[in-house]
């Protein structure tokens, strides 16, 4: 099911880019979008995604394998699933069956995920972990923006500590837009993205990415959303 997961992720990325004003998003553009999303959780480059996608569409019989369980989980989250196992089960049901191969993949993925988590926390305790985590730069959400902070094992464990990204520090901010806000660039691409917080209320941000608390993918603003929820008159 790695192939299906990858293809669906590219389909979603392509749709989003079209909504943002790109008429014919290239495979590289889609791969870069997916890499940005996945790298919020685990670093995985655009080139790797692009190669896997090319292999998947040019050779339907090729065995597509994404070796990192963290990447599988992040892609599943991007598509709206709880985890990769849920993606496998639900998509197998849609096809009318759950294959033995899929169940094996799911079981193997969970085993690899468990091992990866165990090794991850082991490295924190060890000498290598100490040096790595003190050299790595980190950031956390502070109400309306990200700020750089020192490493904290508890915060990392609870998911509030994230790997430092310069663009998140400089470009990603929670805002309260109004009718005077500039929502679109001259070429029609969007400047504001939105998503719901844990209470179900809409929030607005100045860059694409994951919601800092729910980790759901933010959506590009539309004229419909502006008219209904920001300007309040139904028109924009």
Protein backbone atom coordinates (compact mmCIF):
# COMPACT_ATOMS: atom_id res chain seq x y z
CA UNK A 1 0.00 0.00 0.00
CA UNK A 2 3.02 2.30 -0.04
CA UNK A 3 2.33 3.05 -3.72
CA UNK A 4 -1.31 4.00 -3.02
CA UNK A 5 -0.28 6.20 -0.11
CA UNK A 6 2.32 8.03 -2.20
CA UNK A 7 0.02 8.51 -5.20
CA UNK A 8 -2.82 9.85 -3.05
CA UNK A 9 -0.42 12.27 -1.33
CA UNK A 10 0.72 13.62 -4.72
CA UNK A 11 -2.90 13.95 -5.86
CA UNK A 12 -3.73 16.00 -2.77
CA UNK A 13 -0.63 18.18 -3.10
CA UNK A 14 -1.45 18.86 -6.75
CA UNK A 15 -5.03 19.86 -5.89
CA UNK A 16 -3.83 22.20 -3.17
CA UNK A 17 -1.30 23.88 -5.44
CA UNK A 18 -3.96 24.42 -8.10
CA UNK A 19 -6.19 26.04 -5.46
CA UNK A 20 -3.30 28.31 -4.54
CA UNK A 21 -2.96 29.59 -8.10
CA UNK A 22 -0.53 27.20 -9.81
CA UNK A 23 -2.17 26.18 -13.09
CA UNK A 24 -0.10 23.04 -13.77
CA UNK A 25 2.02 22.12 -10.72
CA UNK A 26 5.06 20.05 -11.66
CA UNK A 27 5.97 16.77 -9.99
CA UNK A 28 8.89 18.58 -8.34
CA UNK A 29 6.55 21.23 -6.94
CA UNK A 30 4.26 18.54 -5.53
CA UNK A 31 7.20 16.62 -4.11
CA UNK A 32 8.48 19.77 -2.45
CA UNK A 33 5.07 20.42 -0.87
CA UNK A 34 4.92 16.86 0.50
CA UNK A 35 8.50 17.13 1.76
CA UNK A 36 7.63 20.32 3.63
CA UNK A 37 4.70 18.62 5.36
CA UNK A 38 6.52 15.39 6.24
CA UNK A 39 9.64 17.22 7.38
CA UNK A 40 7.57 18.89 10.10
CA UNK A 41 7.82 15.47 11.77
CA UNK A 42 10.76 13.71 10.11
CA UNK A 43 13.23 15.11 7.53
CA UNK A 44 12.62 13.55 4.10
CA UNK A 45 13.74 15.36 0.98
CA UNK A 46 11.89 16.45 -2.14
CA UNK A 47 14.28 14.46 -4.35
CA UNK A 48 13.43 11.20 -2.56
CA UNK A 49 9.70 11.75 -2.99
CA UNK A 50 10.13 12.71 -6.63
CA UNK A 51 12.12 9.54 -7.40
CA UNK A 52 9.57 7.31 -5.66
CA UNK A 53 6.70 8.98 -7.51
CA UNK A 54 8.42 8.64 -10.90
CA UNK A 55 9.05 4.97 -10.21
CA UNK A 56 5.41 4.45 -9.15
CA UNK A 57 3.88 5.99 -12.29
CA UNK A 58 6.37 4.70 -14.87
CA UNK A 59 6.52 1.12 -13.62
CA UNK A 60 3.22 -0.11 -12.11
CA UNK A 61 4.84 -3.45 -11.25
CA UNK A 62 7.71 -1.88 -9.30
CA UNK A 63 7.90 -2.51 -5.58
CA UNK A 64 7.47 0.89 -3.92
CA UNK A 65 8.85 0.87 -0.40
CA UNK A 66 9.11 3.87 1.94
CA UNK A 67 11.60 2.62 4.55
CA UNK A 68 10.85 5.07 7.37
CA UNK A 69 7.69 4.38 9.44
CA UNK A 70 7.72 8.03 10.52
CA UNK A 71 7.28 9.07 6.88
CA UNK A 72 4.40 6.62 6.40
CA UNK A 73 2.69 8.02 9.48
CA UNK A 74 3.21 11.63 8.36
CA UNK A 75 1.81 10.88 4.88
CA UNK A 76 -1.20 9.17 6.44
CA UNK A 77 -1.78 12.23 8.68
CA UNK A 78 -1.52 14.47 5.60
CA UNK A 79 -4.31 12.46 3.97
CA UNK A 80 -6.50 12.71 7.08
CA UNK A 81 -5.89 9.27 8.60
CA UNK A 82 -4.95 8.52 12.19
CA UNK A 83 -1.94 6.46 11.13
CA UNK A 84 -0.67 4.26 8.29
CA UNK A 85 -2.47 1.18 9.59
CA UNK A 86 -5.78 3.04 9.46
CA UNK A 87 -5.02 4.07 5.87
CA UNK A 88 -4.39 0.44 4.92
CA UNK A 89 -7.55 -0.85 6.59
CA UNK A 90 -9.88 1.82 5.22
CA UNK A 91 -8.55 1.69 1.70
CA UNK A 92 -8.64 -2.09 1.68
CA UNK A 93 -12.29 -1.91 2.73
CA UNK A 94 -12.96 0.51 -0.10
CA UNK A 95 -11.55 -2.06 -2.49
CA UNK A 96 -13.75 -4.75 -0.94
CA UNK A 97 -10.96 -6.76 0.71
CA UNK A 98 -7.94 -6.62 2.99
CA UNK A 99 -5.09 -8.55 1.47
CA UNK A 100 -2.67 -10.70 3.42
CA UNK A 101 0.17 -8.63 2.01
CA UNK A 102 -1.36 -5.41 3.34
CA UNK A 103 -1.81 -6.90 6.80
CA UNK A 104 1.81 -7.99 6.77
CA UNK A 105 2.93 -4.51 5.72
CA UNK A 106 0.82 -2.94 8.47
CA UNK A 107 2.17 -5.32 11.10
CA UNK A 108 5.74 -4.80 9.93
CA UNK A 109 5.25 -1.02 9.94
CA UNK A 110 3.99 -1.05 13.53
CA UNK A 111 6.92 -3.21 14.59
CA UNK A 112 9.38 -0.87 12.89
CA UNK A 113 7.68 2.13 14.47
CA UNK A 114 7.97 0.58 17.94
CA UNK A 115 11.65 -0.20 17.38
CA UNK A 116 12.30 3.29 16.01
CA UNK A 117 10.69 4.94 19.05
CA UNK A 118 12.64 2.73 21.44
CA UNK A 119 15.92 3.50 19.70
CA UNK A 120 15.05 7.18 19.55
CA UNK A 121 14.69 7.55 23.30
CA UNK A 122 17.70 5.33 23.88
CA UNK A 123 19.86 7.76 21.92
CA UNK A 124 18.65 10.64 24.08
CA UNK A 125 20.10 8.92 27.12
CA UNK A 126 23.31 7.88 25.39
CA UNK A 127 26.38 9.91 24.63
CA UNK A 128 25.52 10.34 20.94
CA UNK A 129 22.05 11.56 21.79
CA UNK A 130 23.43 14.11 24.20
CA UNK A 131 25.69 15.67 21.60
CA UNK A 132 23.15 15.55 18.79
CA UNK A 133 20.27 17.11 20.67
CA UNK A 134 22.43 19.86 22.08
CA UNK A 135 23.80 20.79 18.66
CA UNK A 136 20.41 20.62 16.94
CA UNK A 137 18.37 23.82 17.05
CA UNK A 138 14.78 23.61 18.30
CA UNK A 139 11.62 25.70 18.35
CA UNK A 140 8.18 25.65 19.96
CA UNK A 141 4.87 27.44 19.47
CA UNK A 142 4.30 30.50 21.66
CA UNK A 143 0.70 31.59 21.12
CA UNK A 144 1.00 33.37 17.78
CA UNK A 145 4.45 32.40 16.48
CA UNK A 146 7.37 30.00 16.82
CA UNK A 147 10.36 30.86 18.98
CA UNK A 148 13.75 29.19 19.22
CA UNK A 149 14.26 27.27 22.48
CA UNK A 150 16.73 24.91 24.09
CA UNK A 151 16.31 21.16 23.91
CA UNK A 152 13.84 19.67 26.39
CA UNK A 153 13.30 15.89 26.43
CA UNK A 154 9.82 16.19 27.99
CA UNK A 155 8.64 18.69 25.40
CA UNK A 156 9.99 16.49 22.62
CA UNK A 157 8.19 13.49 24.11
CA UNK A 158 4.88 15.37 24.18
CA UNK A 159 5.30 16.75 20.66
CA UNK A 160 5.55 20.45 21.52
CA UNK A 161 9.24 20.68 20.61
CA UNK A 162 10.01 20.77 16.89
CA UNK A 163 13.15 20.86 14.78
CA UNK A 164 14.15 24.45 14.04
CA UNK A 165 13.09 25.88 10.67
CA UNK A 166 14.11 29.40 9.76
CA UNK A 167 11.03 29.96 7.57
CA UNK A 168 8.74 28.95 10.43
CA UNK A 169 10.39 31.51 12.70
CA UNK A 170 10.30 34.33 10.16
CA UNK A 171 7.22 33.67 8.01
CA UNK A 172 4.71 31.60 10.00
CA UNK A 173 2.43 33.61 12.29
CA UNK A 174 -1.12 33.44 13.60
CA UNK A 175 -3.11 36.53 12.56
CA UNK A 176 -6.59 38.00 12.86
CA UNK A 177 -7.53 39.15 9.33
CA UNK A 178 -10.25 41.63 8.41
CA UNK A 179 -11.74 42.98 5.18
CA UNK A 180 -8.68 45.21 4.66
CA UNK A 181 -6.23 42.29 4.83
CA UNK A 182 -4.34 41.45 1.65
CA UNK A 183 -5.36 37.82 1.08
CA UNK A 184 -3.87 37.25 -2.39
CA UNK A 185 -0.70 38.14 -4.28
CA UNK A 186 -0.83 39.84 -7.66
CA UNK A 187 -0.52 36.49 -9.42
CA UNK A 188 -3.56 35.16 -7.53
CA UNK A 189 -1.66 32.92 -5.12
CA UNK A 190 -2.82 33.05 -1.52
CA UNK A 191 -1.19 34.81 1.42
CA UNK A 192 -3.38 33.46 4.22
CA UNK A 193 -4.15 29.87 5.26
CA UNK A 194 -6.72 28.64 7.76
CA UNK A 195 -7.58 25.69 9.98
CA UNK A 196 -9.58 24.80 13.07
CA UNK A 197 -8.08 24.66 16.55
CA UNK A 198 -8.82 21.96 19.12
CA UNK A 199 -12.05 23.76 20.08
CA UNK A 200 -13.26 23.78 16.47
CA UNK A 201 -12.74 27.52 15.97
CA UNK A 202 -11.17 28.91 12.79
CA UNK A 203 -7.66 30.33 12.98
CA UNK A 204 -5.61 32.07 10.29
CA UNK A 205 -1.90 31.90 9.48
CA UNK A 206 0.55 33.67 7.18
CA UNK A 207 2.13 30.58 5.63
CA UNK A 208 1.36 27.05 4.48
CA UNK A 209 2.06 24.10 6.78
CA UNK A 210 0.59 22.19 9.71
CA UNK A 211 -1.53 23.73 12.44
CA UNK A 212 0.96 24.18 15.32
CA UNK A 213 -1.28 22.39 17.86
CA UNK A 214 -3.59 20.01 15.98
CA UNK A 215 -0.96 19.18 13.30
CA UNK A 216 -3.70 19.18 10.64
CA UNK A 217 -2.79 20.56 7.21
CA UNK A 218 -3.79 24.21 6.83
CA UNK A 219 -5.96 25.14 3.84
CA UNK A 220 -5.53 28.09 1.46
CA UNK A 221 -8.01 30.92 1.98
CA UNK A 222 -10.83 31.31 -0.57
CA UNK A 223 -13.13 34.19 -1.43
CA UNK A 224 -16.03 32.16 -0.07
CA UNK A 225 -14.31 31.79 3.34
CA UNK A 226 -13.42 35.49 3.40
CA UNK A 227 -17.00 36.57 2.64
CA UNK A 228 -18.62 34.16 5.08
CA UNK A 229 -16.28 34.16 8.06
CA UNK A 230 -14.16 37.32 7.90
CA UNK A 231 -16.06 40.12 6.20
CA UNK A 232 -19.39 38.75 7.39
CA UNK A 233 -21.49 39.89 4.45
CA UNK A 234 -21.17 36.79 2.29
CA UNK A 235 -19.42 38.73 -0.48
CA UNK A 236 -15.82 39.55 -1.21
